[in-house]
Every structure is written in structure tokens, then in C-alpha cells.
PDB file of N, CA and C in Angstrom:
ATOM      1  N   UNK A   1     106.811  52.195 -42.279  1.00  0.00           N
ATOM      2  CA  UNK A   1     108.255  51.911 -42.096  1.00  0.00           C
ATOM      3  C   UNK A   1     108.958  52.613 -43.457  1.00  0.00           C
ATOM      4  N   UNK A   2     110.050  52.838 -43.233  1.00  0.00           N
ATOM      5  CA  UNK A   2     110.682  53.729 -44.236  1.00  0.00           C
ATOM      6  C   UNK A   2     111.272  52.507 -45.392  1.00  0.00           C
ATOM      7  N   UNK A   3     111.281  52.981 -46.662  1.00  0.00           N
ATOM      8  CA  UNK A   3     111.719  52.298 -47.653  1.00  0.00           C
ATOM      9  C   UNK A   3     113.160  51.440 -47.461  1.00  0.00           C
ATOM     10  N   UNK A   4     114.329  52.138 -47.093  1.00  0.00           N
ATOM     11  CA  UNK A   4     115.453  51.351 -46.868  1.00  0.00           C
ATOM     12  C   UNK A   4     115.242  50.404 -45.895  1.00  0.00           C
ATOM     13  N   UNK A   5     114.687  50.671 -44.775  1.00  0.00           N
ATOM     14  CA  UNK A   5     114.517  49.540 -43.660  1.00  0.00           C
ATOM     15  C   UNK A   5     113.600  48.351 -44.161  1.00  0.00           C
ATOM     16  N   UNK A   6     112.635  48.582 -44.875  1.00  0.00           N
ATOM     17  CA  UNK A   6     111.822  47.493 -45.415  1.00  0.00           C
ATOM     18  C   UNK A   6     112.767  46.555 -46.318  1.00  0.00           C
ATOM     19  N   UNK A   7     113.461  47.328 -47.248  1.00  0.00           N
ATOM     20  CA  UNK A   7     114.242  46.503 -48.236  1.00  0.00           C
ATOM     21  C   UNK A   7     115.250  45.446 -47.518  1.00  0.00           C
ATOM     22  N   UNK A   8     115.778  46.086 -46.281  1.00  0.00           N
ATOM     23  CA  UNK A   8     116.742  45.422 -45.444  1.00  0.00           C
ATOM     24  C   UNK A   8     116.115  44.175 -44.671  1.00  0.00           C
ATOM     25  N   UNK A   9     115.131  44.517 -44.005  1.00  0.00           N
ATOM     26  CA  UNK A   9     114.293  43.605 -43.308  1.00  0.00           C
ATOM     27  C   UNK A   9     113.777  42.556 -44.077  1.00  0.00           C
ATOM     28  N   UNK A  10     113.319  42.889 -45.146  1.00  0.00           N
ATOM     29  CA  UNK A  10     112.740  41.919 -46.081  1.00  0.00           C
ATOM     30  C   UNK A  10     113.799  40.992 -46.902  1.00  0.00           C
ATOM     31  N   UNK A  11     114.975  41.361 -46.619  1.00  0.00           N
ATOM     32  CA  UNK A  11     116.040  40.852 -47.451  1.00  0.00           C
ATOM     33  C   UNK A  11     116.218  40.992 -48.861  1.00  0.00           C
ATOM     34  N   UNK A  12     115.393  41.996 -49.272  1.00  0.00           N
ATOM     35  CA  UNK A  12     115.501  42.003 -50.843  1.00  0.00           C
ATOM     36  C   UNK A  12     116.816  42.652 -51.144  1.00  0.00           C
ATOM     37  N   UNK A  13     117.565  43.570 -50.275  1.00  0.00           N
ATOM     38  CA  UNK A  13     118.750  44.213 -50.359  1.00  0.00           C
ATOM     39  C   UNK A  13     119.674  43.874 -48.994  1.00  0.00           C
ATOM     40  N   UNK A  14     120.558  43.539 -49.051  1.00  0.00           N
ATOM     41  CA  UNK A  14     121.337  43.029 -47.839  1.00  0.00           C
ATOM     42  C   UNK A  14     121.703  43.942 -46.823  1.00  0.00           C
ATOM     43  N   UNK A  15     121.977  45.131 -47.396  1.00  0.00           N
ATOM     44  CA  UNK A  15     122.389  46.289 -46.189  1.00  0.00           C
ATOM     45  C   UNK A  15     121.681  47.489 -46.322  1.00  0.00           C
ATOM     46  N   UNK A  16     121.071  48.155 -45.170  1.00  0.00           N
ATOM     47  CA  UNK A  16     120.417  49.331 -45.278  1.00  0.00           C
ATOM     48  C   UNK A  16     121.116  50.355 -46.017  1.00  0.00           C
ATOM     49  N   UNK A  17     122.566  50.566 -45.860  1.00  0.00           N
ATOM     50  CA  UNK A  17     123.187  51.598 -46.625  1.00  0.00           C
ATOM     51  C   UNK A  17     123.209  51.369 -48.145  1.00  0.00           C
ATOM     52  N   UNK A  18     123.077  50.394 -48.524  1.00  0.00           N
ATOM     53  CA  UNK A  18     123.201  49.806 -49.943  1.00  0.00           C
ATOM     54  C   UNK A  18     121.467  50.213 -50.411  1.00  0.00           C
ATOM     55  N   UNK A  19     120.673  49.856 -49.629  1.00  0.00           N
ATOM     56  CA  UNK A  19     119.181  50.034 -50.031  1.00  0.00           C
ATOM     57  C   UNK A  19     118.970  51.640 -50.188  1.00  0.00           C
ATOM     58  N   UNK A  20     119.618  52.315 -49.298  1.00  0.00           N
ATOM     59  CA  UNK A  20     119.604  53.880 -49.304  1.00  0.00           C
ATOM     60  C   UNK A  20     120.095  54.365 -50.711  1.00  0.00           C
ATOM     61  N   UNK A  21     121.279  53.896 -50.970  1.00  0.00           N
ATOM     62  CA  UNK A  21     122.026  54.172 -52.324  1.00  0.00           C
ATOM     63  C   UNK A  21     121.103  53.893 -53.362  1.00  0.00           C
ATOM     64  N   UNK A  22     120.529  52.804 -53.513  1.00  0.00           N
ATOM     65  CA  UNK A  22     119.848  52.302 -54.547  1.00  0.00           C
ATOM     66  C   UNK A  22     118.446  53.065 -54.714  1.00  0.00           C
ATOM     67  N   UNK A  23     117.936  53.478 -53.603  1.00  0.00           N
ATOM     68  CA  UNK A  23     116.739  54.294 -53.661  1.00  0.00           C
ATOM     69  C   UNK A  23     117.114  55.575 -53.965  1.00  0.00           C
ATOM     70  N   UNK A  24     118.276  56.326 -53.572  1.00  0.00           N
ATOM     71  CA  UNK A  24     118.449  57.632 -53.966  1.00  0.00           C
ATOM     72  C   UNK A  24     119.003  57.800 -55.136  1.00  0.00           C
ATOM     73  N   UNK A  25     119.348  56.569 -56.084  1.00  0.00           N
ATOM     74  CA  UNK A  25     119.749  56.693 -57.345  1.00  0.00           C
ATOM     75  C   UNK A  25     118.516  56.902 -58.303  1.00  0.00           C
ATOM     76  N   UNK A  26     117.383  56.623 -57.684  1.00  0.00           N
ATOM     77  CA  UNK A  26     116.095  56.585 -58.481  1.00  0.00           C
ATOM     78  C   UNK A  26     115.619  55.318 -59.219  1.00  0.00           C
ATOM     79  N   UNK A  27     116.072  54.216 -58.472  1.00  0.00           N
ATOM     80  CA  UNK A  27     115.973  52.794 -59.229  1.00  0.00           C
ATOM     81  C   UNK A  27     114.665  52.257 -58.622  1.00  0.00           C
ATOM     82  N   UNK A  28     114.034  52.955 -57.705  1.00  0.00           N
ATOM     83  CA  UNK A  28     112.846  52.274 -56.920  1.00  0.00           C
ATOM     84  C   UNK A  28     111.778  53.347 -57.235  1.00  0.00           C
ATOM     85  N   UNK A  29     110.392  52.706 -57.513  1.00  0.00           N
ATOM     86  CA  UNK A  29     109.230  53.545 -57.340  1.00  0.00           C
ATOM     87  C   UNK A  29     108.295  52.810 -56.589  1.00  0.00           C
ATOM     88  N   UNK A  30     107.423  53.677 -55.991  1.00  0.00           N
ATOM     89  CA  UNK A  30     106.385  53.002 -54.862  1.00  0.00           C
ATOM     90  C   UNK A  30     105.175  53.786 -55.592  1.00  0.00           C
ATOM     91  N   UNK A  31     104.179  52.710 -55.937  1.00  0.00           N
ATOM     92  CA  UNK A  31     102.875  53.019 -56.632  1.00  0.00           C
ATOM     93  C   UNK A  31     102.969  54.193 -57.767  1.00  0.00           C
ATOM     94  N   UNK A  32     104.098  53.927 -58.559  1.00  0.00           N
ATOM     95  CA  UNK A  32     104.339  54.802 -59.787  1.00  0.00           C
ATOM     96  C   UNK A  32     105.204  55.997 -59.660  1.00  0.00           C
ATOM     97  N   UNK A  33     105.431  56.380 -58.346  1.00  0.00           N
ATOM     98  CA  UNK A  33     106.235  57.471 -58.020  1.00  0.00           C
ATOM     99  C   UNK A  33     107.757  57.219 -57.468  1.00  0.00           C
ATOM    100  N   UNK A  34     108.546  57.831 -58.252  1.00  0.00           N
ATOM    101  CA  UNK A  34     110.011  57.675 -57.673  1.00  0.00           C
ATOM    102  C   UNK A  34     110.158  57.962 -56.279  1.00  0.00           C
ATOM    103  N   UNK A  35     111.021  57.096 -55.777  1.00  0.00           N
ATOM    104  CA  UNK A  35     110.970  57.351 -54.082  1.00  0.00           C
ATOM    105  C   UNK A  35     112.459  57.484 -53.703  1.00  0.00           C
ATOM    106  N   UNK A  36     112.587  57.904 -52.625  1.00  0.00           N
ATOM    107  CA  UNK A  36     113.754  58.033 -51.744  1.00  0.00           C
ATOM    108  C   UNK A  36     113.766  57.139 -50.733  1.00  0.00           C
ATOM    109  N   UNK A  37     114.912  56.890 -50.030  1.00  0.00           N
ATOM    110  CA  UNK A  37     115.051  56.100 -48.975  1.00  0.00           C
ATOM    111  C   UNK A  37     114.081  56.372 -47.878  1.00  0.00           C
ATOM    112  N   UNK A  38     113.637  57.538 -47.503  1.00  0.00           N
ATOM    113  CA  UNK A  38     113.053  57.882 -46.288  1.00  0.00           C
ATOM    114  C   UNK A  38     111.380  57.866 -46.595  1.00  0.00           C
ATOM    115  N   UNK A  39     111.104  57.460 -47.863  1.00  0.00           N
ATOM    116  CA  UNK A  39     109.609  57.270 -48.152  1.00  0.00           C
ATOM    117  C   UNK A  39     108.860  56.157 -47.181  1.00  0.00           C
ATOM    118  N   UNK A  40     107.894  56.607 -46.606  1.00  0.00           N
ATOM    119  CA  UNK A  40     106.940  55.654 -45.748  1.00  0.00           C
ATOM    120  C   UNK A  40     106.138  54.585 -46.512  1.00  0.00           C
ATOM    121  N   UNK A  41     106.040  53.504 -46.394  1.00  0.00           N
ATOM    122  CA  UNK A  41     105.616  52.546 -46.824  1.00  0.00           C
ATOM    123  C   UNK A  41     104.375  52.115 -46.048  1.00  0.00           C
ATOM    124  N   UNK A  42     103.213  51.493 -46.880  1.00  0.00           N
ATOM    125  CA  UNK A  42     102.042  50.990 -46.155  1.00  0.00           C
ATOM    126  C   UNK A  42     101.863  49.651 -46.770  1.00  0.00           C
ATOM    127  N   UNK A  43     101.065  48.730 -45.880  1.00  0.00           N
ATOM    128  CA  UNK A  43     100.805  47.495 -46.669  1.00  0.00           C
ATOM    129  C   UNK A  43      99.769  47.709 -48.015  1.00  0.00           C
ATOM    130  N   UNK A  44     100.086  47.152 -48.985  1.00  0.00           N
ATOM    131  CA  UNK A  44      99.421  47.150 -50.137  1.00  0.00           C
ATOM    132  C   UNK A  44     100.110  48.040 -51.291  1.00  0.00           C
ATOM    133  N   UNK A  45     101.250  48.601 -50.965  1.00  0.00           N
ATOM    134  CA  UNK A  45     101.958  49.321 -51.745  1.00  0.00           C
ATOM    135  C   UNK A  45     102.757  48.559 -52.779  1.00  0.00           C
ATOM    136  N   UNK A  46     102.837  48.928 -54.108  1.00  0.00           N
ATOM    137  CA  UNK A  46     103.619  48.341 -54.878  1.00  0.00           C
ATOM    138  C   UNK A  46     104.865  48.898 -55.324  1.00  0.00           C
ATOM    139  N   UNK A  47     105.792  48.052 -55.260  1.00  0.00           N
ATOM    140  CA  UNK A  47     107.278  48.627 -55.468  1.00  0.00           C
ATOM    141  C   UNK A  47     107.685  47.949 -56.844  1.00  0.00           C
ATOM    142  N   UNK A  48     108.534  48.897 -57.574  1.00  0.00           N
ATOM    143  CA  UNK A  48     109.175  48.500 -58.776  1.00  0.00           C
ATOM    144  C   UNK A  48     110.730  48.760 -58.663  1.00  0.00           C
ATOM    145  N   UNK A  49     111.571  47.690 -58.558  1.00  0.00           N
ATOM    146  CA  UNK A  49     112.899  47.908 -58.231  1.00  0.00           C
ATOM    147  C   UNK A  49     113.858  47.411 -59.465  1.00  0.00           C
ATOM    148  N   UNK A  50     114.836  48.379 -60.000  1.00  0.00           N
ATOM    149  CA  UNK A  50     115.658  47.878 -61.057  1.00  0.00           C
ATOM    150  C   UNK A  50     116.829  47.393 -60.229  1.00  0.00           C
ATOM    151  N   UNK A  51     117.222  46.196 -60.433  1.00  0.00           N
ATOM    152  CA  UNK A  51     118.408  45.435 -60.032  1.00  0.00           C
ATOM    153  C   UNK A  51     119.340  45.216 -61.316  1.00  0.00           C
ATOM    154  N   UNK A  52     120.424  45.918 -61.561  1.00  0.00           N
ATOM    155  CA  UNK A  52     121.120  45.544 -62.641  1.00  0.00           C
ATOM    156  C   UNK A  52     120.544  45.296 -63.948  1.00  0.00           C
ATOM    157  N   UNK A  53     120.423  44.111 -64.337  1.00  0.00           N
ATOM    158  CA  UNK A  53     119.752  43.616 -65.411  1.00  0.00           C
ATOM    159  C   UNK A  53     118.405  43.055 -65.423  1.00  0.00           C
ATOM    160  N   UNK A  54     117.592  43.434 -64.275  1.00  0.00           N
ATOM    161  CA  UNK A  54     116.280  42.702 -64.116  1.00  0.00           C
ATOM    162  C   UNK A  54     115.438  43.880 -63.376  1.00  0.00           C
ATOM    163  N   UNK A  55     114.175  43.814 -63.543  1.00  0.00           N
ATOM    164  CA  UNK A  55     113.264  44.681 -63.022  1.00  0.00           C
ATOM    165  C   UNK A  55     112.260  43.729 -62.101  1.00  0.00           C
ATOM    166  N   UNK A  56     112.014  44.073 -60.892  1.00  0.00           N
ATOM    167  CA  UNK A  56     111.193  43.209 -59.934  1.00  0.00           C
ATOM    168  C   UNK A  56     109.913  43.939 -59.430  1.00  0.00           C
ATOM    169  N   UNK A  57     108.740  43.662 -59.681  1.00  0.00           N
ATOM    170  CA  UNK A  57     107.520  44.313 -59.237  1.00  0.00           C
ATOM    171  C   UNK A  57     106.908  43.452 -58.111  1.00  0.00           C
ATOM    172  N   UNK A  58     106.878  44.104 -57.091  1.00  0.00           N
ATOM    173  CA  UNK A  58     106.200  43.347 -55.846  1.00  0.00           C
ATOM    174  C   UNK A  58     105.190  44.233 -55.034  1.00  0.00           C
ATOM    175  N   UNK A  59     104.548  43.478 -54.306  1.00  0.00           N
ATOM    176  CA  UNK A  59     103.358  44.243 -53.516  1.00  0.00           C
ATOM    177  C   UNK A  59     103.725  43.804 -52.106  1.00  0.00           C
ATOM    178  N   UNK A  60     103.714  44.882 -51.268  1.00  0.00           N
ATOM    179  CA  UNK A  60     103.867  44.747 -49.722  1.00  0.00           C
ATOM    180  C   UNK A  60     102.861  44.038 -49.106  1.00  0.00           C
ATOM    181  N   UNK A  61     102.959  42.948 -48.492  1.00  0.00           N
ATOM    182  CA  UNK A  61     101.906  42.218 -47.605  1.00  0.00           C
ATOM    183  C   UNK A  61     101.833  42.476 -46.129  1.00  0.00           C
ATOM    184  N   UNK A  62     103.076  42.779 -45.637  1.00  0.00           N
ATOM    185  CA  UNK A  62     103.182  42.731 -44.250  1.00  0.00           C
ATOM    186  C   UNK A  62     104.527  43.734 -43.881  1.00  0.00           C
ATOM    187  N   UNK A  63     104.249  44.483 -42.733  1.00  0.00           N
ATOM    188  CA  UNK A  63     105.298  45.344 -42.348  1.00  0.00           C
ATOM    189  C   UNK A  63     105.626  45.067 -40.908  1.00  0.00           C
ATOM    190  N   UNK A  64     106.812  44.508 -40.514  1.00  0.00           N
ATOM    191  CA  UNK A  64     107.415  44.237 -39.297  1.00  0.00           C
ATOM    192  C   UNK A  64     108.758  44.708 -39.067  1.00  0.00           C
ATOM    193  N   UNK A  65     109.063  45.232 -37.904  1.00  0.00           N
ATOM    194  CA  UNK A  65     110.427  45.753 -37.509  1.00  0.00           C
ATOM    195  C   UNK A  65     111.528  44.770 -37.742  1.00  0.00           C
ATOM    196  N   UNK A  66     111.244  43.420 -37.276  1.00  0.00           N
ATOM    197  CA  UNK A  66     112.246  42.332 -37.257  1.00  0.00           C
ATOM    198  C   UNK A  66     111.481  41.053 -37.771  1.00  0.00           C
ATOM    199  N   UNK A  67     112.283  40.354 -38.606  1.00  0.00           N
ATOM    200  CA  UNK A  67     111.753  39.095 -39.037  1.00  0.00           C
ATOM    201  C   UNK A  67     112.910  38.134 -39.146  1.00  0.00           C
ATOM    202  N   UNK A  68     112.418  36.771 -39.020  1.00  0.00           N
ATOM    203  CA  UNK A  68     113.416  35.773 -39.106  1.00  0.00           C
ATOM    204  C   UNK A  68     113.736  35.454 -40.553  1.00  0.00           C
ATOM    205  N   UNK A  69     114.935  34.969 -40.934  1.00  0.00           N
ATOM    206  CA  UNK A  69     115.284  34.944 -42.348  1.00  0.00           C
ATOM    207  C   UNK A  69     114.386  33.870 -43.068  1.00  0.00           C
ATOM    208  N   UNK A  70     113.812  32.882 -42.444  1.00  0.00           N
ATOM    209  CA  UNK A  70     112.837  32.187 -43.194  1.00  0.00           C
ATOM    210  C   UNK A  70     111.530  32.760 -43.505  1.00  0.00           C
ATOM    211  N   UNK A  71     111.112  33.811 -42.497  1.00  0.00           N
ATOM    212  CA  UNK A  71     109.786  34.335 -42.755  1.00  0.00           C
ATOM    213  C   UNK A  71     109.949  35.666 -43.634  1.00  0.00           C
ATOM    214  N   UNK A  72     111.082  36.046 -44.115  1.00  0.00           N
ATOM    215  CA  UNK A  72     111.422  37.405 -44.750  1.00  0.00           C
ATOM    216  C   UNK A  72     110.491  37.424 -45.887  1.00  0.00           C
ATOM    217  N   UNK A  73     110.173  36.348 -46.849  1.00  0.00           N
ATOM    218  CA  UNK A  73     109.574  36.433 -48.011  1.00  0.00           C
ATOM    219  C   UNK A  73     108.214  36.621 -47.820  1.00  0.00           C
ATOM    220  N   UNK A  74     107.619  36.354 -46.527  1.00  0.00           N
ATOM    221  CA  UNK A  74     105.999  36.654 -46.326  1.00  0.00           C
ATOM    222  C   UNK A  74     105.696  38.025 -46.198  1.00  0.00           C
ATOM    223  N   UNK A  75     106.698  38.928 -46.332  1.00  0.00           N
ATOM    224  CA  UNK A  75     106.608  40.228 -46.318  1.00  0.00           C
ATOM    225  C   UNK A  75     106.029  40.900 -47.460  1.00  0.00           C
ATOM    226  N   UNK A  76     106.241  40.275 -48.604  1.00  0.00           N
ATOM    227  CA  UNK A  76     105.994  40.674 -50.027  1.00  0.00           C
ATOM    228  C   UNK A  76     105.721  39.629 -50.696  1.00  0.00           C
ATOM    229  N   UNK A  77     105.020  39.919 -52.031  1.00  0.00           N
ATOM    230  CA  UNK A  77     104.694  39.031 -53.031  1.00  0.00           C
ATOM    231  C   UNK A  77     105.005  39.574 -54.247  1.00  0.00           C
ATOM    232  N   UNK A  78     105.936  38.690 -54.928  1.00  0.00           N
ATOM    233  CA  UNK A  78     106.439  39.112 -56.247  1.00  0.00           C
ATOM    234  C   UNK A  78     105.488  39.086 -57.376  1.00  0.00           C
ATOM    235  N   UNK A  79     105.119  40.163 -58.020  1.00  0.00           N
ATOM    236  CA  UNK A  79     104.082  40.202 -59.217  1.00  0.00           C
ATOM    237  C   UNK A  79     104.654  39.865 -60.547  1.00  0.00           C
ATOM    238  N   UNK A  80     105.754  40.433 -60.664  1.00  0.00           N
ATOM    239  CA  UNK A  80     106.301  40.339 -62.053  1.00  0.00           C
ATOM    240  C   UNK A  80     108.015  40.455 -61.779  1.00  0.00           C
ATOM    241  N   UNK A  81     108.731  39.652 -62.704  1.00  0.00           N
ATOM    242  CA  UNK A  81     110.120  39.819 -62.583  1.00  0.00           C
ATOM    243  C   UNK A  81     110.518  39.671 -64.126  1.00  0.00           C
ATOM    244  N   UNK A  82     111.254  40.547 -64.619  1.00  0.00           N
ATOM    245  CA  UNK A  82     111.569  40.694 -66.111  1.00  0.00           C
ATOM    246  C   UNK A  82     113.084  41.184 -66.216  1.00  0.00           C
ATOM    247  N   UNK A  83     113.774  40.484 -67.307  1.00  0.00           N
ATOM    248  CA  UNK A  83     115.060  40.996 -67.712  1.00  0.00           C
ATOM    249  C   UNK A  83     115.082  41.922 -68.573  1.00  0.00           C
ATOM    250  N   UNK A  84     116.002  42.945 -68.392  1.00  0.00           N
ATOM    251  CA  UNK A  84     116.303  43.935 -69.361  1.00  0.00           C
ATOM    252  C   UNK A  84     117.368  43.731 -70.392  1.00  0.00           C
ATOM    253  N   UNK A  85     116.722  43.724 -71.554  1.00  0.00           N
ATOM    254  CA  UNK A  85     117.705  43.399 -72.796  1.00  0.00           C
ATOM    255  C   UNK A  85     118.206  44.775 -73.294  1.00  0.00           C
ATOM    256  N   UNK A  86     119.540  44.896 -73.621  1.00  0.00           N
ATOM    257  CA  UNK A  86     120.029  45.833 -74.186  1.00  0.00           C
ATOM    258  C   UNK A  86     120.072  46.008 -75.671  1.00  0.00           C
TER     259      UNK A  86
END
């Protein structure tokens, strides 16, 4: 599954176009490598996403094309969440 689609389906980012922009700005790494929106993800990959003033590290547990809102969080496990201090 593409990175931008995973971010939308898992509801980490609301819209796929926004997920594509964030990825193309270099704010997401997959397994330590900077990634673009078209990067293919597999179960077990580790993502580090920089959202404004925080950094979220998560592991992909499940890849599905569609998922209900209530089940979206079952697609990943948050490993670490930290605030960026300037």
C-alpha cells in the first residue's frame, strides 16, 4: 500500500492530498529512510512523522484498503510521541 493512502485510511492524516504534501516535504521516514508519497509500505514498517510541534513514531500492524472509523487505530501501534521544543 502507498504511504499517502495508508495515512488517509488509518486516519493519521485527514486527506490523501495533504498526506502526499507532508510526505513530499520530507517530514516522514520509513525504517529510517526519508520517504515520498508513493513509497510502498509493508506490515512491520516503522514510520516517524513530524506534525508541527510533535514527532510520532509508529509501527504498521495491518494494511487494509478500507476500514471503519472505529477500527482505524488497529492498523498501527504508537511507539513514541514527543514534543519538539525550540
